[in-house]
Amino acid sequence: MPLDPQVERSRARRAERRATPLYELTLERARAEDLASIRDAAGDPEPVASVADLDIPGPASALTLRIYRCARAVRAGTPSPVLVYFFGGGWTLGTIDTADAICRRLTNAAGCTTVSVGYRLAPEHKFPAAVHDCHAAVRWVAAHAAELGVDPDRIAVGGDSAGGNLAAAVALAAREDGPLLVHQLLVYPNTDHGSDTESLRESTDRYLFNLHSVAWYWDNYLADPADGANPLASPLRAADHSGLPPATVITAEYDPLRDEGELYAKRLADAGVPTELTRFPGMAHGFFAMFGELPAAAEAVEIAAARLRAAFGTDRA
């Protein structure tokens, strides 16, 4: 279908003011503009029972976690399931603030505790720094489940864009080194460095996330292009995808990452991993966080939350 009318209007506004793509800005300005645009599109923050930041030891330095609790889980008074979430931004942009709206919505809709991870960014910290931080955070959550009030047997990971890539990488790492995960939520994830898919080749629009954006982020992330062959950078290249946690994969029709996300869903399914793939027609990359502008964002969160509830063994009541 054509680009969704609301997405088209947003694109037209950028074209009218001749907005400079993030990949042509300085790193400092790109980070500031990325956060501002996400906040503008997210609408009013959805209330949750509580939000608190916590610093934990990381592989190289302290990591900041932001912990969201939902009223239903607090009222229950029993250990809640937990989603460990990794924000998007091409491993280069973003902070735990970037995913605030998403984490609030998922916390309430899935009836869980959500832990957002402030991992190290590229290009200051190249691959595999972010993977190590994210896996360390998941392991810490499992080891400190009692003090967090969460269930160590009901841990899921998730993320959007580069965060989806990190969630897939952590799932691969956790298969070898723990902890046991019950689900992976992958929202338009990068899965293959150097991919040459139809959706990538077709994504040339200057005012949408495009093939130049993808290349810029990978260049920032990898110290050496050869590192892109590592499955923790390119999960699609793992030799074996069996034994991974069930997956939800969400893609957007007008997204250079569409095909590699869908290829990853197929690879998981072919390996016997229960996998649900949903493509959102007319949508562009980034729509998952645009609650203030796109009804499809709320629909996508509900699909994700329903899959998480099933993985956690909970219901909506």
C-alpha atoms as a PDB file:
ATOM      1  CA  MET A   1       0.000   0.000   0.000  1.00  0.00           C
ATOM      2  CA  PRO A   2       1.121   3.635  -0.307  1.00  0.00           C
ATOM      3  CA  LEU A   3       2.909   5.341   2.555  1.00  0.00           C
ATOM      4  CA  ASP A   4       0.398   5.901   5.362  1.00  0.00           C
ATOM      5  CA  PRO A   5      -1.124   9.413   5.039  1.00  0.00           C
ATOM      6  CA  GLN A   6       0.043  10.445   8.517  1.00  0.00           C
ATOM      7  CA  VAL A   7       3.552   9.194   7.823  1.00  0.00           C
ATOM      8  CA  GLU A   8       3.473  11.011   4.479  1.00  0.00           C
ATOM      9  CA  ARG A   9       2.477  14.263   6.196  1.00  0.00           C
ATOM     10  CA  SER A  10       5.363  13.909   8.615  1.00  0.00           C
ATOM     11  CA  ARG A  11       7.735  13.249   5.724  1.00  0.00           C
ATOM     12  CA  ALA A  12       6.330  16.242   3.803  1.00  0.00           C
ATOM     13  CA  ARG A  13       6.969  18.541   6.772  1.00  0.00           C
ATOM     14  CA  ARG A  14      10.612  17.468   6.819  1.00  0.00           C
ATOM     15  CA  ALA A  15      10.887  17.966   3.072  1.00  0.00           C
ATOM     16  CA  GLU A  16       9.273  21.393   3.243  1.00  0.00           C
ATOM     17  CA  ARG A  17      11.829  22.681   5.707  1.00  0.00           C
ATOM     18  CA  ARG A  18      14.614  20.752   3.952  1.00  0.00           C
ATOM     19  CA  ALA A  19      15.553  18.978   7.142  1.00  0.00           C
ATOM     20  CA  THR A  20      19.118  17.702   7.225  1.00  0.00           C
ATOM     21  CA  PRO A  21      19.331  13.914   7.729  1.00  0.00           C
ATOM     22  CA  LEU A  22      20.882  12.870  11.013  1.00  0.00           C
ATOM     23  CA  TYR A  23      23.799  11.226   9.219  1.00  0.00           C
ATOM     24  CA  GLU A  24      24.860  14.629   7.849  1.00  0.00           C
ATOM     25  CA  LEU A  25      24.877  16.340  11.271  1.00  0.00           C
ATOM     26  CA  THR A  26      27.541  16.437  13.936  1.00  0.00           C
ATOM     27  CA  LEU A  27      27.235  13.609  16.427  1.00  0.00           C
ATOM     28  CA  GLU A  28      26.217  15.968  19.242  1.00  0.00           C
ATOM     29  CA  ARG A  29      23.491  17.624  17.177  1.00  0.00           C
ATOM     30  CA  ALA A  30      22.237  14.320  15.772  1.00  0.00           C
ATOM     31  CA  ARG A  31      21.823  12.946  19.287  1.00  0.00           C
ATOM     32  CA  ALA A  32      19.937  16.021  20.443  1.00  0.00           C
ATOM     33  CA  GLU A  33      17.635  16.122  17.406  1.00  0.00           C
ATOM     34  CA  ASP A  34      16.929  12.397  17.568  1.00  0.00           C
ATOM     35  CA  LEU A  35      15.791  12.602  21.190  1.00  0.00           C
ATOM     36  CA  ALA A  36      13.702  15.737  20.548  1.00  0.00           C
ATOM     37  CA  SER A  37      11.917  14.244  17.541  1.00  0.00           C
ATOM     38  CA  ILE A  38      11.114  11.020  19.387  1.00  0.00           C
ATOM     39  CA  ARG A  39       9.705  12.916  22.356  1.00  0.00           C
ATOM     40  CA  ASP A  40       7.570  15.078  20.071  1.00  0.00           C
ATOM     41  CA  ALA A  41       6.092  12.061  18.280  1.00  0.00           C
ATOM     42  CA  ALA A  42       5.520  10.024  21.453  1.00  0.00           C
ATOM     43  CA  GLY A  43       2.782  12.225  22.896  1.00  0.00           C
ATOM     44  CA  ASP A  44       2.061  12.477  26.617  1.00  0.00           C
ATOM     45  CA  PRO A  45       3.888   9.919  28.789  1.00  0.00           C
ATOM     46  CA  GLU A  46       1.627   7.107  29.960  1.00  0.00           C
ATOM     47  CA  PRO A  47       1.540   6.857  33.769  1.00  0.00           C
ATOM     48  CA  VAL A  48       2.997   3.776  35.440  1.00  0.00           C
ATOM     49  CA  ALA A  49       3.086   2.845  39.125  1.00  0.00           C
ATOM     50  CA  SER A  50       6.709   3.934  39.566  1.00  0.00           C
ATOM     51  CA  VAL A  51       9.895   4.776  37.683  1.00  0.00           C
ATOM     52  CA  ALA A  52      13.356   4.654  39.271  1.00  0.00           C
ATOM     53  CA  ASP A  53      16.933   4.782  37.999  1.00  0.00           C
ATOM     54  CA  LEU A  54      19.579   2.453  39.367  1.00  0.00           C
ATOM     55  CA  ASP A  55      23.318   2.197  38.671  1.00  0.00           C
ATOM     56  CA  ILE A  56      24.860  -1.264  38.525  1.00  0.00           C
ATOM     57  CA  PRO A  57      28.404  -2.498  37.798  1.00  0.00           C
ATOM     58  CA  GLY A  58      29.016  -2.947  34.096  1.00  0.00           C
ATOM     59  CA  PRO A  59      31.741  -4.645  32.062  1.00  0.00           C
ATOM     60  CA  ALA A  60      33.728  -1.399  31.802  1.00  0.00           C
ATOM     61  CA  SER A  61      31.873   1.208  33.872  1.00  0.00           C
ATOM     62  CA  ALA A  62      28.617   1.660  35.741  1.00  0.00           C
ATOM     63  CA  LEU A  63      25.436   1.014  33.779  1.00  0.00           C
ATOM     64  CA  THR A  64      22.239   2.929  34.426  1.00  0.00           C
ATOM     65  CA  LEU A  65      19.012   0.944  34.485  1.00  0.00           C
ATOM     66  CA  ARG A  66      15.567   2.550  34.509  1.00  0.00           C
ATOM     67  CA  ILE A  67      12.957   0.377  36.196  1.00  0.00           C
ATOM     68  CA  TYR A  68       9.258   0.734  35.358  1.00  0.00           C
ATOM     69  CA  ARG A  69       6.599  -0.988  37.454  1.00  0.00           C
ATOM     70  CA  CYS A  70       2.937  -1.394  36.587  1.00  0.00           C
ATOM     71  CA  ALA A  71       0.145  -0.972  39.134  1.00  0.00           C
ATOM     72  CA  ARG A  72      -1.223  -4.475  38.536  1.00  0.00           C
ATOM     73  CA  ALA A  73       2.128  -6.097  39.331  1.00  0.00           C
ATOM     74  CA  VAL A  74       2.585  -3.928  42.425  1.00  0.00           C
ATOM     75  CA  ARG A  75      -0.897  -4.805  43.699  1.00  0.00           C
ATOM     76  CA  ALA A  76      -0.260  -8.509  43.217  1.00  0.00           C
ATOM     77  CA  GLY A  77       2.594  -8.402  45.703  1.00  0.00           C
ATOM     78  CA  THR A  78       4.355 -11.328  44.036  1.00  0.00           C
ATOM     79  CA  PRO A  79       7.452 -11.399  41.807  1.00  0.00           C
ATOM     80  CA  SER A  80       6.500 -10.009  38.411  1.00  0.00           C
ATOM     81  CA  PRO A  81       7.720 -11.025  34.976  1.00  0.00           C
ATOM     82  CA  VAL A  82      10.347  -8.679  33.581  1.00  0.00           C
ATOM     83  CA  LEU A  83      11.165  -7.288  30.153  1.00  0.00           C
ATOM     84  CA  VAL A  84      14.725  -5.994  29.698  1.00  0.00           C
ATOM     85  CA  TYR A  85      14.524  -3.383  26.933  1.00  0.00           C
ATOM     86  CA  PHE A  86      17.242  -1.895  24.730  1.00  0.00           C
ATOM     87  CA  PHE A  87      16.609   1.463  23.026  1.00  0.00           C
ATOM     88  CA  GLY A  88      17.164   2.125  19.333  1.00  0.00           C
ATOM     89  CA  GLY A  89      19.343   4.694  17.619  1.00  0.00           C
ATOM     90  CA  GLY A  90      21.820   2.797  15.474  1.00  0.00           C
ATOM     91  CA  TRP A  91      24.052   2.037  18.481  1.00  0.00           C
ATOM     92  CA  THR A  92      25.038   5.718  18.084  1.00  0.00           C
ATOM     93  CA  LEU A  93      22.079   7.826  19.190  1.00  0.00           C
ATOM     94  CA  GLY A  94      19.601   7.394  21.995  1.00  0.00           C
ATOM     95  CA  THR A  95      19.496   7.078  25.765  1.00  0.00           C
ATOM     96  CA  ILE A  96      17.138   5.417  28.218  1.00  0.00           C
ATOM     97  CA  ASP A  97      14.996   8.537  27.698  1.00  0.00           C
ATOM     98  CA  THR A  98      14.582   7.602  24.028  1.00  0.00           C
ATOM     99  CA  ALA A  99      12.611   4.472  24.900  1.00  0.00           C
ATOM    100  CA  ASP A 100      10.648   6.009  27.779  1.00  0.00           C
ATOM    101  CA  ALA A 101       7.274   6.087  26.002  1.00  0.00           C
ATOM    102  CA  ILE A 102       7.711   2.545  24.680  1.00  0.00           C
ATOM    103  CA  CYS A 103       8.721   1.172  28.083  1.00  0.00           C
ATOM    104  CA  ARG A 104       5.771   2.819  29.819  1.00  0.00           C
ATOM    105  CA  ARG A 105       3.304   1.373  27.318  1.00  0.00           C
ATOM    106  CA  LEU A 106       4.795  -2.110  27.365  1.00  0.00           C
ATOM    107  CA  THR A 107       4.936  -2.130  31.173  1.00  0.00           C
ATOM    108  CA  ASN A 108       1.212  -1.460  31.451  1.00  0.00           C
ATOM    109  CA  ALA A 109       0.074  -3.525  28.470  1.00  0.00           C
ATOM    110  CA  ALA A 110       2.176  -6.586  29.318  1.00  0.00           C
ATOM    111  CA  GLY A 111       1.634  -6.297  33.073  1.00  0.00           C
ATOM    112  CA  CYS A 112       5.332  -6.592  33.803  1.00  0.00           C
ATOM    113  CA  THR A 113       8.316  -4.791  35.228  1.00  0.00           C
ATOM    114  CA  THR A 114      10.402  -3.249  32.456  1.00  0.00           C
ATOM    115  CA  VAL A 115      14.119  -2.559  32.827  1.00  0.00           C
ATOM    116  CA  SER A 116      15.610  -0.161  30.273  1.00  0.00           C
ATOM    117  CA  VAL A 117      19.386  -0.386  29.827  1.00  0.00           C
ATOM    118  CA  GLY A 118      21.683   2.620  29.324  1.00  0.00           C
ATOM    119  CA  TYR A 119      24.337   0.794  27.310  1.00  0.00           C
ATOM    120  CA  ARG A 120      27.491   2.419  25.907  1.00  0.00           C
ATOM    121  CA  LEU A 121      27.216   4.118  22.519  1.00  0.00           C
ATOM    122  CA  ALA A 122      29.330   4.099  19.369  1.00  0.00           C
ATOM    123  CA  PRO A 123      31.491   5.512  17.926  1.00  0.00           C
ATOM    124  CA  GLU A 124      33.074   6.156  21.318  1.00  0.00           C
ATOM    125  CA  HIS A 125      32.531   2.504  22.241  1.00  0.00           C
ATOM    126  CA  LYS A 126      32.628   0.140  19.298  1.00  0.00           C
ATOM    127  CA  PHE A 127      31.165  -3.355  18.936  1.00  0.00           C
ATOM    128  CA  PRO A 128      30.943  -5.476  21.048  1.00  0.00           C
ATOM    129  CA  ALA A 129      30.687  -2.964  23.929  1.00  0.00           C
ATOM    130  CA  ALA A 130      26.913  -2.534  23.640  1.00  0.00           C
ATOM    131  CA  VAL A 131      26.319  -6.299  23.450  1.00  0.00           C
ATOM    132  CA  HIS A 132      28.467  -6.884  26.525  1.00  0.00           C
ATOM    133  CA  ASP A 133      26.621  -4.156  28.447  1.00  0.00           C
ATOM    134  CA  CYS A 134      23.188  -5.478  27.502  1.00  0.00           C
ATOM    135  CA  HIS A 135      24.010  -9.088  28.301  1.00  0.00           C
ATOM    136  CA  ALA A 136      25.594  -8.024  31.608  1.00  0.00           C
ATOM    137  CA  ALA A 137      22.424  -6.104  32.482  1.00  0.00           C
ATOM    138  CA  VAL A 138      20.221  -9.143  31.798  1.00  0.00           C
ATOM    139  CA  ARG A 139      22.490 -11.352  33.888  1.00  0.00           C
ATOM    140  CA  TRP A 140      22.414  -8.790  36.709  1.00  0.00           C
ATOM    141  CA  VAL A 141      18.617  -8.648  36.633  1.00  0.00           C
ATOM    142  CA  ALA A 142      18.469 -12.441  36.896  1.00  0.00           C
ATOM    143  CA  ALA A 143      20.988 -12.526  39.751  1.00  0.00           C
ATOM    144  CA  HIS A 144      19.226  -9.731  41.669  1.00  0.00           C
ATOM    145  CA  ALA A 145      15.666 -10.775  40.912  1.00  0.00           C
ATOM    146  CA  ALA A 146      14.688 -11.031  44.579  1.00  0.00           C
ATOM    147  CA  GLU A 147      15.772  -7.492  45.388  1.00  0.00           C
ATOM    148  CA  LEU A 148      14.037  -6.188  42.255  1.00  0.00           C
ATOM    149  CA  GLY A 149      10.855  -8.115  43.011  1.00  0.00           C
ATOM    150  CA  VAL A 150      10.908  -9.911  39.651  1.00  0.00           C
ATOM    151  CA  ASP A 151      10.726 -13.554  38.632  1.00  0.00           C
ATOM    152  CA  PRO A 152      14.088 -14.899  37.356  1.00  0.00           C
ATOM    153  CA  ASP A 153      12.219 -17.600  35.438  1.00  0.00           C
ATOM    154  CA  ARG A 154      10.200 -15.079  33.427  1.00  0.00           C
ATOM    155  CA  ILE A 155      12.741 -12.783  31.776  1.00  0.00           C
ATOM    156  CA  ALA A 156      12.246 -11.467  28.234  1.00  0.00           C
ATOM    157  CA  VAL A 157      14.428  -9.172  26.163  1.00  0.00           C
ATOM    158  CA  GLY A 158      13.310  -6.634  23.585  1.00  0.00           C
ATOM    159  CA  GLY A 159      14.298  -3.596  21.601  1.00  0.00           C
ATOM    160  CA  ASP A 160      13.624  -1.537  18.508  1.00  0.00           C
ATOM    161  CA  SER A 161      15.997  -1.057  15.561  1.00  0.00           C
ATOM    162  CA  ALA A 162      19.550  -1.326  16.950  1.00  0.00           C
ATOM    163  CA  GLY A 163      17.879  -2.289  20.222  1.00  0.00           C
ATOM    164  CA  GLY A 164      16.241  -5.168  18.376  1.00  0.00           C
ATOM    165  CA  ASN A 165      19.653  -6.167  17.073  1.00  0.00           C
ATOM    166  CA  LEU A 166      20.982  -6.119  20.643  1.00  0.00           C
ATOM    167  CA  ALA A 167      18.035  -8.159  21.914  1.00  0.00           C
ATOM    168  CA  ALA A 168      18.696 -10.807  19.254  1.00  0.00           C
ATOM    169  CA  ALA A 169      22.406 -10.783  20.092  1.00  0.00           C
ATOM    170  CA  VAL A 170      21.710 -11.126  23.817  1.00  0.00           C
ATOM    171  CA  ALA A 171      19.370 -14.042  23.102  1.00  0.00           C
ATOM    172  CA  LEU A 172      22.213 -15.759  21.234  1.00  0.00           C
ATOM    173  CA  ALA A 173      24.687 -15.021  24.028  1.00  0.00           C
ATOM    174  CA  ALA A 174      22.271 -16.089  26.746  1.00  0.00           C
ATOM    175  CA  ARG A 175      21.703 -19.437  25.010  1.00  0.00           C
ATOM    176  CA  GLU A 176      25.352 -20.170  25.820  1.00  0.00           C
ATOM    177  CA  ASP A 177      25.922 -18.317  29.102  1.00  0.00           C
ATOM    178  CA  GLY A 178      22.440 -17.712  30.551  1.00  0.00           C
ATOM    179  CA  PRO A 179      20.136 -16.636  31.869  1.00  0.00           C
ATOM    180  CA  LEU A 180      17.196 -18.546  30.439  1.00  0.00           C
ATOM    181  CA  LEU A 181      14.935 -16.202  28.472  1.00  0.00           C
ATOM    182  CA  VAL A 182      11.256 -16.772  27.751  1.00  0.00           C
ATOM    183  CA  HIS A 183      10.865 -14.365  24.822  1.00  0.00           C
ATOM    184  CA  GLN A 184      12.602 -11.960  22.457  1.00  0.00           C
ATOM    185  CA  LEU A 185      10.756  -8.921  21.094  1.00  0.00           C
ATOM    186  CA  LEU A 186      12.468  -7.651  17.935  1.00  0.00           C
ATOM    187  CA  VAL A 187      11.039  -4.467  16.446  1.00  0.00           C
ATOM    188  CA  TYR A 188      12.431  -3.723  12.944  1.00  0.00           C
ATOM    189  CA  PRO A 189      15.851  -5.126  13.968  1.00  0.00           C
ATOM    190  CA  ASN A 190      19.143  -4.852  12.105  1.00  0.00           C
ATOM    191  CA  THR A 191      20.221  -8.444  11.602  1.00  0.00           C
ATOM    192  CA  ASP A 192      22.900  -8.462   8.900  1.00  0.00           C
ATOM    193  CA  HIS A 193      25.798  -6.097   8.238  1.00  0.00           C
ATOM    194  CA  GLY A 194      26.356  -5.574   4.534  1.00  0.00           C
ATOM    195  CA  SER A 195      22.988  -6.952   3.526  1.00  0.00           C
ATOM    196  CA  ASP A 196      21.833  -6.285  -0.026  1.00  0.00           C
ATOM    197  CA  THR A 197      18.084  -6.679   0.211  1.00  0.00           C
ATOM    198  CA  GLU A 198      15.340  -5.220  -1.937  1.00  0.00           C
ATOM    199  CA  SER A 199      14.000  -3.112   0.933  1.00  0.00           C
ATOM    200  CA  LEU A 200      17.465  -1.650   1.529  1.00  0.00           C
ATOM    201  CA  ARG A 201      18.119  -0.865  -2.130  1.00  0.00           C
ATOM    202  CA  GLU A 202      14.709   0.801  -2.509  1.00  0.00           C
ATOM    203  CA  SER A 203      15.099   3.048   0.559  1.00  0.00           C
ATOM    204  CA  THR A 204      16.632   6.173  -0.948  1.00  0.00           C
ATOM    205  CA  ASP A 205      14.224   8.883   0.263  1.00  0.00           C
ATOM    206  CA  ARG A 206      16.255  11.633   1.920  1.00  0.00           C
ATOM    207  CA  TYR A 207      13.431  12.453   4.338  1.00  0.00           C
ATOM    208  CA  LEU A 208      12.913   8.922   5.633  1.00  0.00           C
ATOM    209  CA  PHE A 209      15.259   6.455   7.319  1.00  0.00           C
ATOM    210  CA  ASN A 210      17.208   5.134   4.326  1.00  0.00           C
ATOM    211  CA  LEU A 211      20.148   3.085   3.099  1.00  0.00           C
ATOM    212  CA  HIS A 212      22.564   5.945   3.902  1.00  0.00           C
ATOM    213  CA  SER A 213      21.291   5.994   7.483  1.00  0.00           C
ATOM    214  CA  VAL A 214      21.910   2.274   7.782  1.00  0.00           C
ATOM    215  CA  ALA A 215      25.466   2.554   6.423  1.00  0.00           C
ATOM    216  CA  TRP A 216      26.281   5.483   8.741  1.00  0.00           C
ATOM    217  CA  TYR A 217      25.171   3.584  11.824  1.00  0.00           C
ATOM    218  CA  TRP A 218      27.115   0.457  10.900  1.00  0.00           C
ATOM    219  CA  ASP A 219      30.232   2.553  10.208  1.00  0.00           C
ATOM    220  CA  ASN A 220      29.931   4.089  13.657  1.00  0.00           C
ATOM    221  CA  TYR A 221      29.356   0.727  15.347  1.00  0.00           C
ATOM    222  CA  LEU A 222      32.057  -1.489  13.843  1.00  0.00           C
ATOM    223  CA  ALA A 223      35.759  -0.907  14.419  1.00  0.00           C
ATOM    224  CA  ASP A 224      36.463  -3.141  11.420  1.00  0.00           C
ATOM    225  CA  PRO A 225      33.947  -4.154   8.704  1.00  0.00           C
ATOM    226  CA  ALA A 226      35.092  -7.742   9.259  1.00  0.00           C
ATOM    227  CA  ASP A 227      33.420  -7.589  12.684  1.00  0.00           C
ATOM    228  CA  GLY A 228      30.096  -7.528  10.839  1.00  0.00           C
ATOM    229  CA  ALA A 229      30.448 -11.267  10.270  1.00  0.00           C
ATOM    230  CA  ASN A 230      30.247 -11.907  14.015  1.00  0.00           C
ATOM    231  CA  PRO A 231      26.782 -13.279  14.877  1.00  0.00           C
ATOM    232  CA  LEU A 232      26.616 -10.921  17.862  1.00  0.00           C
ATOM    233  CA  ALA A 233      26.764  -8.061  15.341  1.00  0.00           C
ATOM    234  CA  SER A 234      24.789  -9.821  12.606  1.00  0.00           C
ATOM    235  CA  PRO A 235      22.454 -12.358  14.264  1.00  0.00           C
ATOM    236  CA  LEU A 236      21.298 -13.593  10.857  1.00  0.00           C
ATOM    237  CA  ARG A 237      24.778 -15.059  10.347  1.00  0.00           C
ATOM    238  CA  ALA A 238      24.668 -17.357  13.366  1.00  0.00           C
ATOM    239  CA  ALA A 239      25.331 -20.941  12.285  1.00  0.00           C
ATOM    240  CA  ASP A 240      22.522 -22.279  14.455  1.00  0.00           C
ATOM    241  CA  HIS A 241      19.336 -20.557  15.602  1.00  0.00           C
ATOM    242  CA  SER A 242      17.787 -23.525  17.376  1.00  0.00           C
ATOM    243  CA  GLY A 243      17.125 -23.362  21.088  1.00  0.00           C
ATOM    244  CA  LEU A 244      16.533 -19.610  21.101  1.00  0.00           C
ATOM    245  CA  PRO A 245      13.554 -18.121  22.960  1.00  0.00           C
ATOM    246  CA  PRO A 246      10.243 -17.641  21.135  1.00  0.00           C
ATOM    247  CA  ALA A 247      10.220 -14.445  19.131  1.00  0.00           C
ATOM    248  CA  THR A 248       7.961 -11.617  18.070  1.00  0.00           C
ATOM    249  CA  VAL A 249       9.267  -9.743  15.022  1.00  0.00           C
ATOM    250  CA  ILE A 250       7.626  -6.510  13.920  1.00  0.00           C
ATOM    251  CA  THR A 251       8.566  -4.823  10.634  1.00  0.00           C
ATOM    252  CA  ALA A 252       7.471  -1.774   8.644  1.00  0.00           C
ATOM    253  CA  GLU A 253       6.717  -1.793   4.918  1.00  0.00           C
ATOM    254  CA  TYR A 254       8.735   1.347   4.115  1.00  0.00           C
ATOM    255  CA  ASP A 255      11.893   0.459   6.053  1.00  0.00           C
ATOM    256  CA  PRO A 256      15.325  -0.494   4.707  1.00  0.00           C
ATOM    257  CA  LEU A 257      15.533  -3.058   7.527  1.00  0.00           C
ATOM    258  CA  ARG A 258      12.242  -4.744   6.581  1.00  0.00           C
ATOM    259  CA  ASP A 259      13.675  -7.652   4.616  1.00  0.00           C
ATOM    260  CA  GLU A 260      16.489  -8.560   7.009  1.00  0.00           C
ATOM    261  CA  GLY A 261      14.041  -8.508   9.922  1.00  0.00           C
ATOM    262  CA  GLU A 262      11.720 -10.819   8.019  1.00  0.00           C
ATOM    263  CA  LEU A 263      14.610 -13.047   6.957  1.00  0.00           C
ATOM    264  CA  TYR A 264      15.547 -13.378  10.613  1.00  0.00           C
ATOM    265  CA  ALA A 265      11.993 -14.334  11.527  1.00  0.00           C
ATOM    266  CA  LYS A 266      12.110 -17.043   8.837  1.00  0.00           C
ATOM    267  CA  ARG A 267      15.499 -18.267  10.034  1.00  0.00           C
ATOM    268  CA  LEU A 268      14.179 -18.592  13.579  1.00  0.00           C
ATOM    269  CA  ALA A 269      11.025 -20.377  12.437  1.00  0.00           C
ATOM    270  CA  ASP A 270      13.021 -22.745  10.224  1.00  0.00           C
ATOM    271  CA  ALA A 271      15.138 -23.610  13.284  1.00  0.00           C
ATOM    272  CA  GLY A 272      12.009 -24.575  15.219  1.00  0.00           C
ATOM    273  CA  VAL A 273      11.743 -21.376  17.263  1.00  0.00           C
ATOM    274  CA  PRO A 274       8.091 -20.315  17.755  1.00  0.00           C
ATOM    275  CA  THR A 275       8.022 -17.010  15.887  1.00  0.00           C
ATOM    276  CA  GLU A 276       5.301 -14.500  15.070  1.00  0.00           C
ATOM    277  CA  LEU A 277       6.027 -11.967  12.327  1.00  0.00           C
ATOM    278  CA  THR A 278       3.862  -8.893  11.717  1.00  0.00           C
ATOM    279  CA  ARG A 279       4.541  -6.391   8.944  1.00  0.00           C
ATOM    280  CA  PHE A 280       2.792  -3.026   9.273  1.00  0.00           C
ATOM    281  CA  PRO A 281       1.719  -1.787   5.832  1.00  0.00           C
ATOM    282  CA  GLY A 282       2.283   1.861   5.019  1.00  0.00           C
ATOM    283  CA  MET A 283       4.555   2.370   8.003  1.00  0.00           C
ATOM    284  CA  ALA A 284       8.135   3.637   8.036  1.00  0.00           C
ATOM    285  CA  HIS A 285      11.021   2.943  10.373  1.00  0.00           C
ATOM    286  CA  GLY A 286      10.497   4.446  13.815  1.00  0.00           C
ATOM    287  CA  PHE A 287       6.700   4.185  13.886  1.00  0.00           C
ATOM    288  CA  PHE A 288       6.686   1.972  17.012  1.00  0.00           C
ATOM    289  CA  ALA A 289       7.426   5.003  19.230  1.00  0.00           C
ATOM    290  CA  MET A 290       5.072   7.477  17.536  1.00  0.00           C
ATOM    291  CA  PHE A 291       2.066   7.128  19.852  1.00  0.00           C
ATOM    292  CA  GLY A 292       1.196  10.802  19.553  1.00  0.00           C
ATOM    293  CA  GLU A 293       0.807  10.589  15.766  1.00  0.00           C
ATOM    294  CA  LEU A 294       0.125   7.021  14.617  1.00  0.00           C
ATOM    295  CA  PRO A 295      -2.607   4.629  15.783  1.00  0.00           C
ATOM    296  CA  ALA A 296      -0.475   1.826  14.359  1.00  0.00           C
ATOM    297  CA  ALA A 297       2.038   2.394  17.157  1.00  0.00           C
ATOM    298  CA  ALA A 298      -0.542   1.461  19.798  1.00  0.00           C
ATOM    299  CA  GLU A 299      -1.604  -1.540  17.700  1.00  0.00           C
ATOM    300  CA  ALA A 300       1.993  -2.737  17.431  1.00  0.00           C
ATOM    301  CA  VAL A 301       2.532  -2.391  21.179  1.00  0.00           C
ATOM    302  CA  GLU A 302      -0.607  -4.422  21.857  1.00  0.00           C
ATOM    303  CA  ILE A 303       0.626  -7.203  19.556  1.00  0.00           C
ATOM    304  CA  ALA A 304       3.958  -7.180  21.371  1.00  0.00           C
ATOM    305  CA  ALA A 305       2.275  -7.099  24.782  1.00  0.00           C
ATOM    306  CA  ALA A 306      -0.035  -9.986  23.944  1.00  0.00           C
ATOM    307  CA  ARG A 307       2.944 -12.123  22.963  1.00  0.00           C
ATOM    308  CA  LEU A 308       4.774 -11.123  26.138  1.00  0.00           C
ATOM    309  CA  ARG A 309       1.746 -11.973  28.287  1.00  0.00           C
ATOM    310  CA  ALA A 310       1.586 -15.385  26.635  1.00  0.00           C
ATOM    311  CA  ALA A 311       5.307 -15.921  27.295  1.00  0.00           C
ATOM    312  CA  PHE A 312       4.916 -14.795  30.899  1.00  0.00           C
ATOM    313  CA  GLY A 313       1.823 -16.930  31.463  1.00  0.00           C
ATOM    314  CA  THR A 314      -0.283 -13.956  32.523  1.00  0.00           C
ATOM    315  CA  ASP A 315      -3.550 -12.463  31.318  1.00  0.00           C
ATOM    316  CA  ARG A 316      -4.875  -8.921  30.968  1.00  0.00           C
ATOM    317  CA  ALA A 317      -7.158  -9.045  34.018  1.00  0.00           C
END
